[in-house]
């Protein structure tokens, strides 16, 4: 049995965003327990030239909702990048998950050859649906999830691989 485009995308994206949501809950509790201003963690980064945690969460959301919408052939929801608190970041993840849950396998399956065109930095990148998912969305999505995890771990949050992967 082959893996469908829906199975390779929507459940994977939802699961990792759900795991990330649990990690953000732990980060908020950690900040409260350690008397750290939550904004310190929300604005934390691994290196001076890297983007902060808030950007990582926004990017996870953008990649997931963009993937679902483009593969389904529907308009990509637009969310402004204004989140500055853990509750706002949680709300963004929840809104993205709700959008993805509204997409059906029938909308996504068969999108392997759908033409996907992205405008990035003044240029266009063209993909088939399958290449878009496998070579662009998933690597970028996991990069930003991993970076969010690493920022929080670097700042003392006691999380491990099980938190990243989530409960089975």
C-alpha atoms as a PDB file:
ATOM      1  CA  UNK A   1       0.000   0.000   0.000  1.00  0.00           C
ATOM      2  CA  UNK A   2       1.389   3.391  -0.932  1.00  0.00           C
ATOM      3  CA  UNK A   3       1.492   6.463   1.255  1.00  0.00           C
ATOM      4  CA  UNK A   4      -0.966   9.118   0.120  1.00  0.00           C
ATOM      5  CA  UNK A   5      -0.183  12.819  -0.068  1.00  0.00           C
ATOM      6  CA  UNK A   6      -2.688  13.426   2.722  1.00  0.00           C
ATOM      7  CA  UNK A   7      -1.086  10.815   4.991  1.00  0.00           C
ATOM      8  CA  UNK A   8       2.389  12.218   4.297  1.00  0.00           C
ATOM      9  CA  UNK A   9       1.373  15.778   5.089  1.00  0.00           C
ATOM     10  CA  UNK A  10      -1.624  16.750   7.202  1.00  0.00           C
ATOM     11  CA  UNK A  11      -1.365  14.230  10.094  1.00  0.00           C
ATOM     12  CA  UNK A  12       2.419  14.756  10.260  1.00  0.00           C
ATOM     13  CA  UNK A  13       2.093  18.539  10.427  1.00  0.00           C
ATOM     14  CA  UNK A  14      -0.705  18.375  13.003  1.00  0.00           C
ATOM     15  CA  UNK A  15       1.203  15.947  15.207  1.00  0.00           C
ATOM     16  CA  UNK A  16       4.375  18.015  15.297  1.00  0.00           C
ATOM     17  CA  UNK A  17       2.475  21.255  15.947  1.00  0.00           C
ATOM     18  CA  UNK A  18       0.599  19.516  18.756  1.00  0.00           C
ATOM     19  CA  UNK A  19       3.920  18.371  20.225  1.00  0.00           C
ATOM     20  CA  UNK A  20       5.250  21.903  19.897  1.00  0.00           C
ATOM     21  CA  UNK A  21       2.161  23.207  21.696  1.00  0.00           C
ATOM     22  CA  UNK A  22       2.890  20.890  24.636  1.00  0.00           C
ATOM     23  CA  UNK A  23       6.486  22.141  24.679  1.00  0.00           C
ATOM     24  CA  UNK A  24       5.269  25.749  24.721  1.00  0.00           C
ATOM     25  CA  UNK A  25       3.029  24.916  27.700  1.00  0.00           C
ATOM     26  CA  UNK A  26       6.090  23.551  29.475  1.00  0.00           C
ATOM     27  CA  UNK A  27       8.052  26.684  28.569  1.00  0.00           C
ATOM     28  CA  UNK A  28       5.359  28.959  29.991  1.00  0.00           C
ATOM     29  CA  UNK A  29       5.264  26.929  33.215  1.00  0.00           C
ATOM     30  CA  UNK A  30       9.079  26.959  33.366  1.00  0.00           C
ATOM     31  CA  UNK A  31       9.150  30.751  33.006  1.00  0.00           C
ATOM     32  CA  UNK A  32       6.637  31.105  35.821  1.00  0.00           C
ATOM     33  CA  UNK A  33       8.447  28.661  38.125  1.00  0.00           C
ATOM     34  CA  UNK A  34      11.877  30.201  37.499  1.00  0.00           C
ATOM     35  CA  UNK A  35      10.530  33.783  37.644  1.00  0.00           C
ATOM     36  CA  UNK A  36      11.665  34.466  34.071  1.00  0.00           C
ATOM     37  CA  UNK A  37       9.728  37.041  32.105  1.00  0.00           C
ATOM     38  CA  UNK A  38       7.992  34.992  29.369  1.00  0.00           C
ATOM     39  CA  UNK A  39       9.108  37.574  26.811  1.00  0.00           C
ATOM     40  CA  UNK A  40      12.719  36.545  27.481  1.00  0.00           C
ATOM     41  CA  UNK A  41      11.953  33.053  26.138  1.00  0.00           C
ATOM     42  CA  UNK A  42       9.630  34.245  23.364  1.00  0.00           C
ATOM     43  CA  UNK A  43      12.421  36.517  22.103  1.00  0.00           C
ATOM     44  CA  UNK A  44      15.268  34.068  22.749  1.00  0.00           C
ATOM     45  CA  UNK A  45      17.504  32.932  19.912  1.00  0.00           C
ATOM     46  CA  UNK A  46      20.460  30.606  19.575  1.00  0.00           C
ATOM     47  CA  UNK A  47      22.763  33.129  17.933  1.00  0.00           C
ATOM     48  CA  UNK A  48      22.626  36.900  17.429  1.00  0.00           C
ATOM     49  CA  UNK A  49      21.927  36.556  13.701  1.00  0.00           C
ATOM     50  CA  UNK A  50      19.131  33.992  14.131  1.00  0.00           C
ATOM     51  CA  UNK A  51      15.435  34.706  14.443  1.00  0.00           C
ATOM     52  CA  UNK A  52      13.730  34.355  17.856  1.00  0.00           C
ATOM     53  CA  UNK A  53      11.403  31.663  19.158  1.00  0.00           C
ATOM     54  CA  UNK A  54       8.321  33.641  18.085  1.00  0.00           C
ATOM     55  CA  UNK A  55       9.547  33.613  14.471  1.00  0.00           C
ATOM     56  CA  UNK A  56      10.157  29.857  14.629  1.00  0.00           C
ATOM     57  CA  UNK A  57       6.536  29.258  15.711  1.00  0.00           C
ATOM     58  CA  UNK A  58       5.203  31.648  13.064  1.00  0.00           C
ATOM     59  CA  UNK A  59       7.272  29.844  10.425  1.00  0.00           C
ATOM     60  CA  UNK A  60       5.987  26.436  11.545  1.00  0.00           C
ATOM     61  CA  UNK A  61       2.452  27.786  11.190  1.00  0.00           C
ATOM     62  CA  UNK A  62       3.112  29.416   7.817  1.00  0.00           C
ATOM     63  CA  UNK A  63       4.699  26.295   6.369  1.00  0.00           C
ATOM     64  CA  UNK A  64       1.906  24.022   7.618  1.00  0.00           C
ATOM     65  CA  UNK A  65      -1.044  26.149   6.521  1.00  0.00           C
ATOM     66  CA  UNK A  66       0.655  26.984   3.228  1.00  0.00           C
ATOM     67  CA  UNK A  67       1.293  23.325   2.538  1.00  0.00           C
ATOM     68  CA  UNK A  68      -2.242  22.228   3.325  1.00  0.00           C
ATOM     69  CA  UNK A  69      -3.821  25.018   1.316  1.00  0.00           C
ATOM     70  CA  UNK A  70      -1.572  24.687  -1.725  1.00  0.00           C
ATOM     71  CA  UNK A  71      -1.903  20.920  -1.902  1.00  0.00           C
ATOM     72  CA  UNK A  72      -5.695  21.237  -1.513  1.00  0.00           C
ATOM     73  CA  UNK A  73      -5.894  24.015  -4.097  1.00  0.00           C
ATOM     74  CA  UNK A  74      -7.474  26.507  -1.684  1.00  0.00           C
ATOM     75  CA  UNK A  75      -6.458  29.970  -0.548  1.00  0.00           C
ATOM     76  CA  UNK A  76      -3.692  30.106   2.058  1.00  0.00           C
ATOM     77  CA  UNK A  77      -5.030  31.677   5.263  1.00  0.00           C
ATOM     78  CA  UNK A  78      -3.206  34.882   6.173  1.00  0.00           C
ATOM     79  CA  UNK A  79      -2.124  35.355   9.784  1.00  0.00           C
ATOM     80  CA  UNK A  80      -0.245  38.516  10.768  1.00  0.00           C
ATOM     81  CA  UNK A  81       3.052  37.864  12.542  1.00  0.00           C
ATOM     82  CA  UNK A  82       2.152  39.780  15.694  1.00  0.00           C
ATOM     83  CA  UNK A  83       2.462  37.131  18.411  1.00  0.00           C
ATOM     84  CA  UNK A  84       4.566  38.220  21.404  1.00  0.00           C
ATOM     85  CA  UNK A  85       3.325  35.936  24.194  1.00  0.00           C
ATOM     86  CA  UNK A  86       2.992  32.226  24.826  1.00  0.00           C
ATOM     87  CA  UNK A  87      -0.841  32.417  24.715  1.00  0.00           C
ATOM     88  CA  UNK A  88      -0.693  34.200  21.363  1.00  0.00           C
ATOM     89  CA  UNK A  89       1.752  31.639  19.951  1.00  0.00           C
ATOM     90  CA  UNK A  90      -0.486  28.834  21.247  1.00  0.00           C
ATOM     91  CA  UNK A  91      -3.512  30.451  19.610  1.00  0.00           C
ATOM     92  CA  UNK A  92      -1.661  30.622  16.298  1.00  0.00           C
ATOM     93  CA  UNK A  93      -0.752  26.934  16.452  1.00  0.00           C
ATOM     94  CA  UNK A  94      -4.347  26.062  17.385  1.00  0.00           C
ATOM     95  CA  UNK A  95      -5.735  28.150  14.512  1.00  0.00           C
ATOM     96  CA  UNK A  96      -3.341  26.446  12.100  1.00  0.00           C
ATOM     97  CA  UNK A  97      -4.276  22.977  13.368  1.00  0.00           C
ATOM     98  CA  UNK A  98      -7.981  23.809  13.035  1.00  0.00           C
ATOM     99  CA  UNK A  99      -7.408  24.885   9.438  1.00  0.00           C
ATOM    100  CA  UNK A 100      -5.502  21.689   8.631  1.00  0.00           C
ATOM    101  CA  UNK A 101      -8.222  19.584  10.269  1.00  0.00           C
ATOM    102  CA  UNK A 102     -10.750  21.189   7.907  1.00  0.00           C
ATOM    103  CA  UNK A 103      -8.938  19.721   4.890  1.00  0.00           C
ATOM    104  CA  UNK A 104     -10.010  16.297   3.700  1.00  0.00           C
ATOM    105  CA  UNK A 105      -7.997  13.496   2.152  1.00  0.00           C
ATOM    106  CA  UNK A 106     -10.020  13.981  -1.045  1.00  0.00           C
ATOM    107  CA  UNK A 107      -8.724  17.561  -1.298  1.00  0.00           C
ATOM    108  CA  UNK A 108      -5.066  16.580  -0.843  1.00  0.00           C
ATOM    109  CA  UNK A 109      -4.753  13.157  -2.448  1.00  0.00           C
ATOM    110  CA  UNK A 110      -3.877  13.358  -6.112  1.00  0.00           C
ATOM    111  CA  UNK A 111      -1.909  16.597  -5.628  1.00  0.00           C
ATOM    112  CA  UNK A 112       1.435  14.922  -6.430  1.00  0.00           C
ATOM    113  CA  UNK A 113       1.623  16.649  -9.827  1.00  0.00           C
ATOM    114  CA  UNK A 114      -0.182  19.881  -8.889  1.00  0.00           C
ATOM    115  CA  UNK A 115       1.882  22.892  -9.961  1.00  0.00           C
ATOM    116  CA  UNK A 116       2.982  24.880  -6.905  1.00  0.00           C
ATOM    117  CA  UNK A 117       4.581  28.295  -7.430  1.00  0.00           C
ATOM    118  CA  UNK A 118       6.123  30.185  -4.512  1.00  0.00           C
ATOM    119  CA  UNK A 119       7.368  33.749  -4.584  1.00  0.00           C
ATOM    120  CA  UNK A 120      10.467  33.944  -2.420  1.00  0.00           C
ATOM    121  CA  UNK A 121      12.762  36.932  -2.204  1.00  0.00           C
ATOM    122  CA  UNK A 122      11.810  38.417  -5.546  1.00  0.00           C
ATOM    123  CA  UNK A 123      11.970  35.145  -7.428  1.00  0.00           C
ATOM    124  CA  UNK A 124       9.642  32.282  -8.174  1.00  0.00           C
ATOM    125  CA  UNK A 125      10.219  28.669  -7.251  1.00  0.00           C
ATOM    126  CA  UNK A 126       8.166  26.026  -9.030  1.00  0.00           C
ATOM    127  CA  UNK A 127       7.433  22.567  -7.672  1.00  0.00           C
ATOM    128  CA  UNK A 128       5.176  19.646  -8.279  1.00  0.00           C
ATOM    129  CA  UNK A 129       3.001  18.971  -5.239  1.00  0.00           C
ATOM    130  CA  UNK A 130       5.083  15.973  -4.197  1.00  0.00           C
ATOM    131  CA  UNK A 131       8.409  17.803  -4.562  1.00  0.00           C
ATOM    132  CA  UNK A 132       6.963  20.801  -2.694  1.00  0.00           C
ATOM    133  CA  UNK A 133       5.983  18.585   0.233  1.00  0.00           C
ATOM    134  CA  UNK A 134       9.088  16.406   0.355  1.00  0.00           C
ATOM    135  CA  UNK A 135      11.894  18.782  -0.625  1.00  0.00           C
ATOM    136  CA  UNK A 136      10.606  22.129   0.620  1.00  0.00           C
ATOM    137  CA  UNK A 137       7.860  21.971   3.256  1.00  0.00           C
ATOM    138  CA  UNK A 138       8.945  19.047   5.415  1.00  0.00           C
ATOM    139  CA  UNK A 139      12.647  19.975   5.674  1.00  0.00           C
ATOM    140  CA  UNK A 140      11.809  23.619   6.447  1.00  0.00           C
ATOM    141  CA  UNK A 141       9.002  22.678   8.839  1.00  0.00           C
ATOM    142  CA  UNK A 142      11.243  20.325  10.814  1.00  0.00           C
ATOM    143  CA  UNK A 143      14.047  22.902  10.794  1.00  0.00           C
ATOM    144  CA  UNK A 144      11.815  25.466  12.524  1.00  0.00           C
ATOM    145  CA  UNK A 145      10.279  22.945  14.946  1.00  0.00           C
ATOM    146  CA  UNK A 146      13.781  21.763  15.864  1.00  0.00           C
ATOM    147  CA  UNK A 147      15.065  25.311  16.220  1.00  0.00           C
ATOM    148  CA  UNK A 148      12.166  26.203  18.550  1.00  0.00           C
ATOM    149  CA  UNK A 149      12.961  23.100  20.611  1.00  0.00           C
ATOM    150  CA  UNK A 150      16.676  23.970  20.674  1.00  0.00           C
ATOM    151  CA  UNK A 151      16.063  27.584  21.740  1.00  0.00           C
ATOM    152  CA  UNK A 152      13.989  26.449  24.696  1.00  0.00           C
ATOM    153  CA  UNK A 153      16.370  23.623  25.629  1.00  0.00           C
ATOM    154  CA  UNK A 154      19.310  26.027  25.423  1.00  0.00           C
ATOM    155  CA  UNK A 155      17.475  28.331  27.833  1.00  0.00           C
ATOM    156  CA  UNK A 156      17.143  25.607  30.457  1.00  0.00           C
ATOM    157  CA  UNK A 157      13.796  24.003  29.698  1.00  0.00           C
ATOM    158  CA  UNK A 158      14.096  20.352  30.628  1.00  0.00           C
ATOM    159  CA  UNK A 159      12.759  18.659  27.519  1.00  0.00           C
ATOM    160  CA  UNK A 160      14.054  15.708  25.576  1.00  0.00           C
ATOM    161  CA  UNK A 161      13.529  13.694  22.457  1.00  0.00           C
ATOM    162  CA  UNK A 162      10.275  12.245  23.817  1.00  0.00           C
ATOM    163  CA  UNK A 163       8.862  15.785  24.039  1.00  0.00           C
ATOM    164  CA  UNK A 164       9.876  16.461  20.447  1.00  0.00           C
ATOM    165  CA  UNK A 165       8.350  13.218  19.173  1.00  0.00           C
ATOM    166  CA  UNK A 166       5.293  13.370  21.442  1.00  0.00           C
ATOM    167  CA  UNK A 167       3.327  10.616  23.096  1.00  0.00           C
ATOM    168  CA  UNK A 168       2.638   7.568  20.998  1.00  0.00           C
END
